[in-house]
Amino acid sequence: MLAEAHVERTDRPGTVHSDLHLEAGPIPSDTGARLVDAVLDDPDVSGAERLVATMPLGNTTMLERVRQRARDVEVRAAGATKIVEARLGGDG
């Protein structure tokens, strides 16, 4: 498996959390973007107002895809990962 994500509801109404992971080593360059697309297209996520996601700190492709598909994206580092919070839905 090259990539995986876990999606779960949170105790905050309208907010979902996702952990996104990529395998170490050489993987196709679009793997991170495709994983983000799969998460954002998940019914639990697409019906939410906000996403809080953890993803590898060094992966810029995943963050760029979130910025393309969501609004009000905020990012902060947390060890070897980054925490990304974004507003979902609507046209902006």
PDB file of N, CA and C in Angstrom:
ATOM      1  N   MET A   1       0.843  -1.163   0.000  1.00  0.00           N
ATOM      2  CA  MET A   1       0.000   0.000   0.000  1.00  0.00           C
ATOM      3  C   MET A   1       0.898   1.239   0.000  1.00  0.00           C
ATOM      4  N   LEU A   2       0.666   2.142  -0.935  1.00  0.00           N
ATOM      5  CA  LEU A   2       1.471   3.358  -1.036  1.00  0.00           C
ATOM      6  C   LEU A   2       0.976   4.469  -0.134  1.00  0.00           C
ATOM      7  N   ALA A   3      -0.340   4.514   0.076  1.00  0.00           N
ATOM      8  CA  ALA A   3      -0.921   5.605   0.851  1.00  0.00           C
ATOM      9  C   ALA A   3      -2.198   5.123   1.520  1.00  0.00           C
ATOM     10  N   GLU A   4      -2.517   5.760   2.652  1.00  0.00           N
ATOM     11  CA  GLU A   4      -3.776   5.452   3.307  1.00  0.00           C
ATOM     12  C   GLU A   4      -4.233   6.650   4.113  1.00  0.00           C
ATOM     13  N   ALA A   5      -5.529   6.684   4.354  1.00  0.00           N
ATOM     14  CA  ALA A   5      -6.107   7.761   5.160  1.00  0.00           C
ATOM     15  C   ALA A   5      -7.193   7.175   6.039  1.00  0.00           C
ATOM     16  N   HIS A   6      -7.315   7.741   7.207  1.00  0.00           N
ATOM     17  CA  HIS A   6      -8.390   7.383   8.134  1.00  0.00           C
ATOM     18  C   HIS A   6      -9.217   8.633   8.358  1.00  0.00           C
ATOM     19  N   VAL A   7     -10.529   8.491   8.248  1.00  0.00           N
ATOM     20  CA  VAL A   7     -11.445   9.613   8.440  1.00  0.00           C
ATOM     21  C   VAL A   7     -12.337   9.290   9.619  1.00  0.00           C
ATOM     22  N   GLU A   8     -12.515  10.273  10.501  1.00  0.00           N
ATOM     23  CA  GLU A   8     -13.411  10.077  11.636  1.00  0.00           C
ATOM     24  C   GLU A   8     -14.095  11.385  11.984  1.00  0.00           C
ATOM     25  N   ARG A   9     -15.293  11.261  12.493  1.00  0.00           N
ATOM     26  CA  ARG A   9     -16.012  12.438  12.985  1.00  0.00           C
ATOM     27  C   ARG A   9     -15.387  12.875  14.296  1.00  0.00           C
ATOM     28  N   THR A  10     -15.538  14.141  14.615  1.00  0.00           N
ATOM     29  CA  THR A  10     -15.026  14.661  15.875  1.00  0.00           C
ATOM     30  C   THR A  10     -16.198  15.034  16.771  1.00  0.00           C
ATOM     31  N   ASP A  11     -15.893  15.468  17.972  1.00  0.00           N
ATOM     32  CA  ASP A  11     -16.965  15.916  18.863  1.00  0.00           C
ATOM     33  C   ASP A  11     -17.382  17.351  18.559  1.00  0.00           C
ATOM     34  N   ARG A  12     -16.708  17.992  17.589  1.00  0.00           N
ATOM     35  CA  ARG A  12     -17.106  19.330  17.146  1.00  0.00           C
ATOM     36  C   ARG A  12     -18.074  19.180  15.974  1.00  0.00           C
ATOM     37  N   PRO A  13     -19.301  19.660  16.094  1.00  0.00           N
ATOM     38  CA  PRO A  13     -20.280  19.528  15.007  1.00  0.00           C
ATOM     39  C   PRO A  13     -19.747  20.110  13.694  1.00  0.00           C
ATOM     40  N   GLY A  14     -19.943  19.361  12.610  1.00  0.00           N
ATOM     41  CA  GLY A  14     -19.534  19.816  11.294  1.00  0.00           C
ATOM     42  C   GLY A  14     -18.057  19.650  10.985  1.00  0.00           C
ATOM     43  N   THR A  15     -17.298  19.044  11.896  1.00  0.00           N
ATOM     44  CA  THR A  15     -15.859  18.892  11.707  1.00  0.00           C
ATOM     45  C   THR A  15     -15.484  17.413  11.637  1.00  0.00           C
ATOM     46  N   VAL A  16     -14.643  17.082  10.662  1.00  0.00           N
ATOM     47  CA  VAL A  16     -14.106  15.731  10.546  1.00  0.00           C
ATOM     48  C   VAL A  16     -12.588  15.797  10.639  1.00  0.00           C
ATOM     49  N   HIS A  17     -11.992  14.680  11.059  1.00  0.00           N
ATOM     50  CA  HIS A  17     -10.542  14.579  11.178  1.00  0.00           C
ATOM     51  C   HIS A  17     -10.068  13.470  10.258  1.00  0.00           C
ATOM     52  N   SER A  18      -8.925  13.695   9.630  1.00  0.00           N
ATOM     53  CA  SER A  18      -8.332  12.667   8.783  1.00  0.00           C
ATOM     54  C   SER A  18      -6.827  12.614   9.007  1.00  0.00           C
ATOM     55  N   ASP A  19      -6.314  11.400   9.119  1.00  0.00           N
ATOM     56  CA  ASP A  19      -4.872  11.163   9.151  1.00  0.00           C
ATOM     57  C   ASP A  19      -4.487  10.625   7.785  1.00  0.00           C
ATOM     58  N   LEU A  20      -3.581  11.304   7.105  1.00  0.00           N
ATOM     59  CA  LEU A  20      -3.123  10.887   5.786  1.00  0.00           C
ATOM     60  C   LEU A  20      -1.674  10.429   5.882  1.00  0.00           C
ATOM     61  N   HIS A  21      -1.387   9.265   5.336  1.00  0.00           N
ATOM     62  CA  HIS A  21      -0.050   8.682   5.414  1.00  0.00           C
ATOM     63  C   HIS A  21       0.416   8.247   4.031  1.00  0.00           C
ATOM     64  N   LEU A  22       1.694   8.479   3.754  1.00  0.00           N
ATOM     65  CA  LEU A  22       2.338   7.988   2.537  1.00  0.00           C
ATOM     66  C   LEU A  22       3.496   7.091   2.943  1.00  0.00           C
ATOM     67  N   GLU A  23       3.707   6.028   2.180  1.00  0.00           N
ATOM     68  CA  GLU A  23       4.847   5.156   2.426  1.00  0.00           C
ATOM     69  C   GLU A  23       6.133   5.899   2.129  1.00  0.00           C
ATOM     70  N   ALA A  24       7.181   5.559   2.852  1.00  0.00           N
ATOM     71  CA  ALA A  24       8.494   6.131   2.586  1.00  0.00           C
ATOM     72  C   ALA A  24       9.048   5.542   1.291  1.00  0.00           C
ATOM     73  N   GLY A  25       9.921   6.271   0.644  1.00  0.00           N
ATOM     74  CA  GLY A  25      10.550   5.785  -0.566  1.00  0.00           C
ATOM     75  C   GLY A  25       9.889   6.324  -1.810  1.00  0.00           C
ATOM     76  N   PRO A  26      10.327   5.837  -2.951  1.00  0.00           N
ATOM     77  CA  PRO A  26       9.797   6.358  -4.216  1.00  0.00           C
ATOM     78  C   PRO A  26       8.346   5.919  -4.445  1.00  0.00           C
ATOM     79  N   ILE A  27       7.507   6.904  -4.693  1.00  0.00           N
ATOM     80  CA  ILE A  27       6.104   6.647  -5.036  1.00  0.00           C
ATOM     81  C   ILE A  27       5.729   7.588  -6.178  1.00  0.00           C
ATOM     82  N   PRO A  28       4.692   7.272  -6.945  1.00  0.00           N
ATOM     83  CA  PRO A  28       4.280   8.170  -8.022  1.00  0.00           C
ATOM     84  C   PRO A  28       4.004   9.583  -7.494  1.00  0.00           C
ATOM     85  N   SER A  29       4.382  10.585  -8.258  1.00  0.00           N
ATOM     86  CA  SER A  29       4.319  11.971  -7.797  1.00  0.00           C
ATOM     87  C   SER A  29       2.908  12.453  -7.479  1.00  0.00           C
ATOM     88  N   ASP A  30       1.897  11.844  -8.070  1.00  0.00           N
ATOM     89  CA  ASP A  30       0.523  12.307  -7.822  1.00  0.00           C
ATOM     90  C   ASP A  30      -0.172  11.538  -6.692  1.00  0.00           C
ATOM     91  N   THR A  31       0.531  10.670  -6.001  1.00  0.00           N
ATOM     92  CA  THR A  31      -0.081   9.839  -4.961  1.00  0.00           C
ATOM     93  C   THR A  31      -0.689  10.687  -3.842  1.00  0.00           C
ATOM     94  N   GLY A  32       0.036  11.687  -3.365  1.00  0.00           N
ATOM     95  CA  GLY A  32      -0.471  12.538  -2.293  1.00  0.00           C
ATOM     96  C   GLY A  32      -1.718  13.299  -2.705  1.00  0.00           C
ATOM     97  N   ALA A  33      -1.706  13.874  -3.904  1.00  0.00           N
ATOM     98  CA  ALA A  33      -2.872  14.619  -4.393  1.00  0.00           C
ATOM     99  C   ALA A  33      -4.078  13.691  -4.553  1.00  0.00           C
ATOM    100  N   ARG A  34      -3.846  12.490  -5.057  1.00  0.00           N
ATOM    101  CA  ARG A  34      -4.952  11.538  -5.227  1.00  0.00           C
ATOM    102  C   ARG A  34      -5.517  11.106  -3.871  1.00  0.00           C
ATOM    103  N   LEU A  35      -4.651  10.984  -2.863  1.00  0.00           N
ATOM    104  CA  LEU A  35      -5.122  10.628  -1.525  1.00  0.00           C
ATOM    105  C   LEU A  35      -5.980  11.752  -0.957  1.00  0.00           C
ATOM    106  N   VAL A  36      -5.548  12.995  -1.105  1.00  0.00           N
ATOM    107  CA  VAL A  36      -6.355  14.134  -0.647  1.00  0.00           C
ATOM    108  C   VAL A  36      -7.699  14.156  -1.365  1.00  0.00           C
ATOM    109  N   ASP A  37      -7.700  13.929  -2.672  1.00  0.00           N
ATOM    110  CA  ASP A  37      -8.966  13.890  -3.418  1.00  0.00           C
ATOM    111  C   ASP A  37      -9.893  12.811  -2.864  1.00  0.00           C
ATOM    112  N   ALA A  38      -9.346  11.642  -2.576  1.00  0.00           N
ATOM    113  CA  ALA A  38     -10.174  10.560  -2.035  1.00  0.00           C
ATOM    114  C   ALA A  38     -10.767  10.943  -0.682  1.00  0.00           C
ATOM    115  N   VAL A  39      -9.974  11.593   0.160  1.00  0.00           N
ATOM    116  CA  VAL A  39     -10.483  12.029   1.464  1.00  0.00           C
ATOM    117  C   VAL A  39     -11.572  13.074   1.287  1.00  0.00           C
ATOM    118  N   LEU A  40     -11.328  14.087   0.462  1.00  0.00           N
ATOM    119  CA  LEU A  40     -12.306  15.164   0.293  1.00  0.00           C
ATOM    120  C   LEU A  40     -13.582  14.683  -0.390  1.00  0.00           C
ATOM    121  N   ASP A  41     -13.501  13.605  -1.158  1.00  0.00           N
ATOM    122  CA  ASP A  41     -14.678  13.049  -1.818  1.00  0.00           C
ATOM    123  C   ASP A  41     -15.422  12.034  -0.954  1.00  0.00           C
ATOM    124  N   ASP A  42     -14.852  11.653   0.180  1.00  0.00           N
ATOM    125  CA  ASP A  42     -15.529  10.737   1.105  1.00  0.00           C
ATOM    126  C   ASP A  42     -16.820  11.403   1.589  1.00  0.00           C
ATOM    127  N   PRO A  43     -17.933  10.679   1.613  1.00  0.00           N
ATOM    128  CA  PRO A  43     -19.210  11.285   2.028  1.00  0.00           C
ATOM    129  C   PRO A  43     -19.176  11.934   3.412  1.00  0.00           C
ATOM    130  N   ASP A  44     -18.441  11.353   4.357  1.00  0.00           N
ATOM    131  CA  ASP A  44     -18.347  11.960   5.687  1.00  0.00           C
ATOM    132  C   ASP A  44     -17.624  13.296   5.643  1.00  0.00           C
ATOM    133  N   VAL A  45     -16.687  13.437   4.725  1.00  0.00           N
ATOM    134  CA  VAL A  45     -15.924  14.674   4.619  1.00  0.00           C
ATOM    135  C   VAL A  45     -16.662  15.686   3.746  1.00  0.00           C
ATOM    136  N   SER A  46     -17.170  15.255   2.612  1.00  0.00           N
ATOM    137  CA  SER A  46     -17.822  16.206   1.710  1.00  0.00           C
ATOM    138  C   SER A  46     -19.071  16.826   2.332  1.00  0.00           C
ATOM    139  N   GLY A  47     -19.664  16.164   3.312  1.00  0.00           N
ATOM    140  CA  GLY A  47     -20.823  16.719   3.999  1.00  0.00           C
ATOM    141  C   GLY A  47     -20.470  17.572   5.211  1.00  0.00           C
ATOM    142  N   ALA A  48     -19.183  17.708   5.506  1.00  0.00           N
ATOM    143  CA  ALA A  48     -18.747  18.465   6.678  1.00  0.00           C
ATOM    144  C   ALA A  48     -18.454  19.921   6.310  1.00  0.00           C
ATOM    145  N   GLU A  49     -18.356  20.753   7.327  1.00  0.00           N
ATOM    146  CA  GLU A  49     -18.008  22.158   7.144  1.00  0.00           C
ATOM    147  C   GLU A  49     -16.509  22.392   7.267  1.00  0.00           C
ATOM    148  N   ARG A  50     -15.850  21.612   8.126  1.00  0.00           N
ATOM    149  CA  ARG A  50     -14.419  21.799   8.379  1.00  0.00           C
ATOM    150  C   ARG A  50     -13.695  20.455   8.378  1.00  0.00           C
ATOM    151  N   LEU A  51     -12.451  20.517   7.930  1.00  0.00           N
ATOM    152  CA  LEU A  51     -11.564  19.357   7.955  1.00  0.00           C
ATOM    153  C   LEU A  51     -10.340  19.710   8.778  1.00  0.00           C
ATOM    154  N   VAL A  52      -9.968  18.816   9.674  1.00  0.00           N
ATOM    155  CA  VAL A  52      -8.690  18.887  10.375  1.00  0.00           C
ATOM    156  C   VAL A  52      -7.937  17.637   9.950  1.00  0.00           C
ATOM    157  N   ALA A  53      -6.795  17.843   9.305  1.00  0.00           N
ATOM    158  CA  ALA A  53      -6.046  16.706   8.765  1.00  0.00           C
ATOM    159  C   ALA A  53      -4.600  16.758   9.223  1.00  0.00           C
ATOM    160  N   THR A  54      -4.042  15.579   9.466  1.00  0.00           N
ATOM    161  CA  THR A  54      -2.609  15.475   9.697  1.00  0.00           C
ATOM    162  C   THR A  54      -2.005  14.804   8.478  1.00  0.00           C
ATOM    163  N   MET A  55      -0.834  15.308   8.081  1.00  0.00           N
ATOM    164  CA  MET A  55      -0.141  14.769   6.916  1.00  0.00           C
ATOM    165  C   MET A  55       1.358  14.978   7.095  1.00  0.00           C
ATOM    166  N   PRO A  56       2.172  14.291   6.310  1.00  0.00           N
ATOM    167  CA  PRO A  56       3.621  14.417   6.459  1.00  0.00           C
ATOM    168  C   PRO A  56       4.090  15.862   6.271  1.00  0.00           C
ATOM    169  N   LEU A  57       4.947  16.311   7.149  1.00  0.00           N
ATOM    170  CA  LEU A  57       5.428  17.688   7.132  1.00  0.00           C
ATOM    171  C   LEU A  57       6.087  18.056   5.807  1.00  0.00           C
ATOM    172  N   GLY A  58       6.876  17.166   5.251  1.00  0.00           N
ATOM    173  CA  GLY A  58       7.634  17.485   4.041  1.00  0.00           C
ATOM    174  C   GLY A  58       6.876  17.356   2.738  1.00  0.00           C
ATOM    175  N   ASN A  59       5.641  16.887   2.761  1.00  0.00           N
ATOM    176  CA  ASN A  59       4.900  16.683   1.519  1.00  0.00           C
ATOM    177  C   ASN A  59       4.114  17.944   1.162  1.00  0.00           C
ATOM    178  N   THR A  60       4.552  18.624   0.111  1.00  0.00           N
ATOM    179  CA  THR A  60       3.873  19.851  -0.312  1.00  0.00           C
ATOM    180  C   THR A  60       2.726  19.585  -1.281  1.00  0.00           C
ATOM    181  N   THR A  61       2.766  18.455  -1.975  1.00  0.00           N
ATOM    182  CA  THR A  61       1.717  18.125  -2.938  1.00  0.00           C
ATOM    183  C   THR A  61       0.362  17.979  -2.261  1.00  0.00           C
ATOM    184  N   MET A  62       0.339  17.336  -1.118  1.00  0.00           N
ATOM    185  CA  MET A  62      -0.929  17.135  -0.401  1.00  0.00           C
ATOM    186  C   MET A  62      -1.493  18.476   0.067  1.00  0.00           C
ATOM    187  N   LEU A  63      -0.652  19.321   0.615  1.00  0.00           N
ATOM    188  CA  LEU A  63      -1.108  20.629   1.084  1.00  0.00           C
ATOM    189  C   LEU A  63      -1.620  21.473  -0.079  1.00  0.00           C
ATOM    190  N   GLU A  64      -0.918  21.450  -1.191  1.00  0.00           N
ATOM    191  CA  GLU A  64      -1.355  22.223  -2.359  1.00  0.00           C
ATOM    192  C   GLU A  64      -2.733  21.760  -2.832  1.00  0.00           C
ATOM    193  N   ARG A  65      -2.984  20.451  -2.810  1.00  0.00           N
ATOM    194  CA  ARG A  65      -4.295  19.949  -3.242  1.00  0.00           C
ATOM    195  C   ARG A  65      -5.393  20.419  -2.290  1.00  0.00           C
ATOM    196  N   VAL A  66      -5.123  20.404  -0.987  1.00  0.00           N
ATOM    197  CA  VAL A  66      -6.107  20.923  -0.034  1.00  0.00           C
ATOM    198  C   VAL A  66      -6.378  22.393  -0.339  1.00  0.00           C
ATOM    199  N   ARG A  67      -5.337  23.167  -0.604  1.00  0.00           N
ATOM    200  CA  ARG A  67      -5.524  24.598  -0.921  1.00  0.00           C
ATOM    201  C   ARG A  67      -6.325  24.797  -2.199  1.00  0.00           C
ATOM    202  N   GLN A  68      -6.201  23.879  -3.151  1.00  0.00           N
ATOM    203  CA  GLN A  68      -6.970  23.975  -4.396  1.00  0.00           C
ATOM    204  C   GLN A  68      -8.446  23.671  -4.178  1.00  0.00           C
ATOM    205  N   ARG A  69      -8.736  22.797  -3.231  1.00  0.00           N
ATOM    206  CA  ARG A  69     -10.111  22.303  -3.083  1.00  0.00           C
ATOM    207  C   ARG A  69     -10.868  22.831  -1.875  1.00  0.00           C
ATOM    208  N   ALA A  70     -10.206  23.570  -0.997  1.00  0.00           N
ATOM    209  CA  ALA A  70     -10.852  24.063   0.218  1.00  0.00           C
ATOM    210  C   ALA A  70     -10.532  25.546   0.385  1.00  0.00           C
ATOM    211  N   ARG A  71     -11.114  26.130   1.435  1.00  0.00           N
ATOM    212  CA  ARG A  71     -10.910  27.551   1.702  1.00  0.00           C
ATOM    213  C   ARG A  71     -10.355  27.736   3.107  1.00  0.00           C
ATOM    214  N   ASP A  72      -9.845  28.929   3.344  1.00  0.00           N
ATOM    215  CA  ASP A  72      -9.371  29.300   4.678  1.00  0.00           C
ATOM    216  C   ASP A  72      -8.461  28.223   5.265  1.00  0.00           C
ATOM    217  N   VAL A  73      -7.469  27.824   4.508  1.00  0.00           N
ATOM    218  CA  VAL A  73      -6.559  26.757   4.917  1.00  0.00           C
ATOM    219  C   VAL A  73      -5.499  27.321   5.873  1.00  0.00           C
ATOM    220  N   GLU A  74      -5.386  26.697   7.025  1.00  0.00           N
ATOM    221  CA  GLU A  74      -4.375  27.064   8.012  1.00  0.00           C
ATOM    222  C   GLU A  74      -3.498  25.841   8.267  1.00  0.00           C
ATOM    223  N   VAL A  75      -2.191  26.080   8.436  1.00  0.00           N
ATOM    224  CA  VAL A  75      -1.235  24.987   8.591  1.00  0.00           C
ATOM    225  C   VAL A  75      -0.306  25.295   9.758  1.00  0.00           C
ATOM    226  N   ARG A  76      -0.017  24.261  10.531  1.00  0.00           N
ATOM    227  CA  ARG A  76       1.003  24.393  11.576  1.00  0.00           C
ATOM    228  C   ARG A  76       1.755  23.071  11.703  1.00  0.00           C
ATOM    229  N   ALA A  77       3.030  23.199  12.016  1.00  0.00           N
ATOM    230  CA  ALA A  77       3.876  22.017  12.173  1.00  0.00           C
ATOM    231  C   ALA A  77       3.638  21.397  13.540  1.00  0.00           C
ATOM    232  N   ALA A  78       3.731  20.075  13.586  1.00  0.00           N
ATOM    233  CA  ALA A  78       3.619  19.320  14.834  1.00  0.00           C
ATOM    234  C   ALA A  78       4.547  18.122  14.725  1.00  0.00           C
ATOM    235  N   GLY A  79       5.805  18.312  15.090  1.00  0.00           N
ATOM    236  CA  GLY A  79       6.782  17.240  14.964  1.00  0.00           C
ATOM    237  C   GLY A  79       7.062  16.936  13.501  1.00  0.00           C
ATOM    238  N   ALA A  80       6.959  15.667  13.120  1.00  0.00           N
ATOM    239  CA  ALA A  80       7.215  15.247  11.746  1.00  0.00           C
ATOM    240  C   ALA A  80       5.973  15.355  10.863  1.00  0.00           C
ATOM    241  N   THR A  81       4.900  15.912  11.411  1.00  0.00           N
ATOM    242  CA  THR A  81       3.661  16.068  10.640  1.00  0.00           C
ATOM    243  C   THR A  81       3.268  17.537  10.609  1.00  0.00           C
ATOM    244  N   LYS A  82       2.275  17.818   9.802  1.00  0.00           N
ATOM    245  CA  LYS A  82       1.653  19.137   9.833  1.00  0.00           C
ATOM    246  C   LYS A  82       0.165  18.932  10.046  1.00  0.00           C
ATOM    247  N   ILE A  83      -0.428  19.879  10.730  1.00  0.00           N
ATOM    248  CA  ILE A  83      -1.873  19.870  10.957  1.00  0.00           C
ATOM    249  C   ILE A  83      -2.470  20.918  10.038  1.00  0.00           C
ATOM    250  N   VAL A  84      -3.416  20.488   9.232  1.00  0.00           N
ATOM    251  CA  VAL A  84      -4.049  21.356   8.243  1.00  0.00           C
ATOM    252  C   VAL A  84      -5.522  21.489   8.622  1.00  0.00           C
ATOM    253  N   GLU A  85      -5.976  22.715   8.775  1.00  0.00           N
ATOM    254  CA  GLU A  85      -7.394  22.973   9.031  1.00  0.00           C
ATOM    255  C   GLU A  85      -7.932  23.759   7.861  1.00  0.00           C
ATOM    256  N   ALA A  86      -9.108  23.351   7.366  1.00  0.00           N
ATOM    257  CA  ALA A  86      -9.667  23.983   6.174  1.00  0.00           C
ATOM    258  C   ALA A  86     -11.184  24.010   6.245  1.00  0.00           C
ATOM    259  N   ARG A  87     -11.749  25.032   5.635  1.00  0.00           N
ATOM    260  CA  ARG A  87     -13.207  25.129   5.518  1.00  0.00           C
ATOM    261  C   ARG A  87     -13.591  24.463   4.198  1.00  0.00           C
ATOM    262  N   LEU A  88     -14.636  23.657   4.235  1.00  0.00           N
ATOM    263  CA  LEU A  88     -15.075  22.880   3.083  1.00  0.00           C
ATOM    264  C   LEU A  88     -16.389  23.410   2.538  1.00  0.00           C
ATOM    265  N   GLY A  89     -16.707  22.994   1.329  1.00  0.00           N
ATOM    266  CA  GLY A  89     -18.010  23.275   0.735  1.00  0.00           C
ATOM    267  C   GLY A  89     -18.129  24.679   0.193  1.00  0.00           C
ATOM    268  N   GLY A  90     -19.174  24.865  -0.598  1.00  0.00           N
ATOM    269  CA  GLY A  90     -19.471  26.187  -1.151  1.00  0.00           C
ATOM    270  C   GLY A  90     -18.465  26.607  -2.195  1.00  0.00           C
ATOM    271  N   ASP A  91     -18.704  27.787  -2.740  1.00  0.00           N
ATOM    272  CA  ASP A  91     -17.837  28.307  -3.811  1.00  0.00           C
ATOM    273  C   ASP A  91     -16.863  29.367  -3.320  1.00  0.00           C
ATOM    274  N   GLY A  92     -16.872  29.688  -2.036  1.00  0.00           N
ATOM    275  CA  GLY A  92     -15.874  30.574  -1.509  1.00  0.00           C
ATOM    276  C   GLY A  92     -16.407  31.860  -1.082  1.00  0.00           C
TER     277      GLY A  92
END
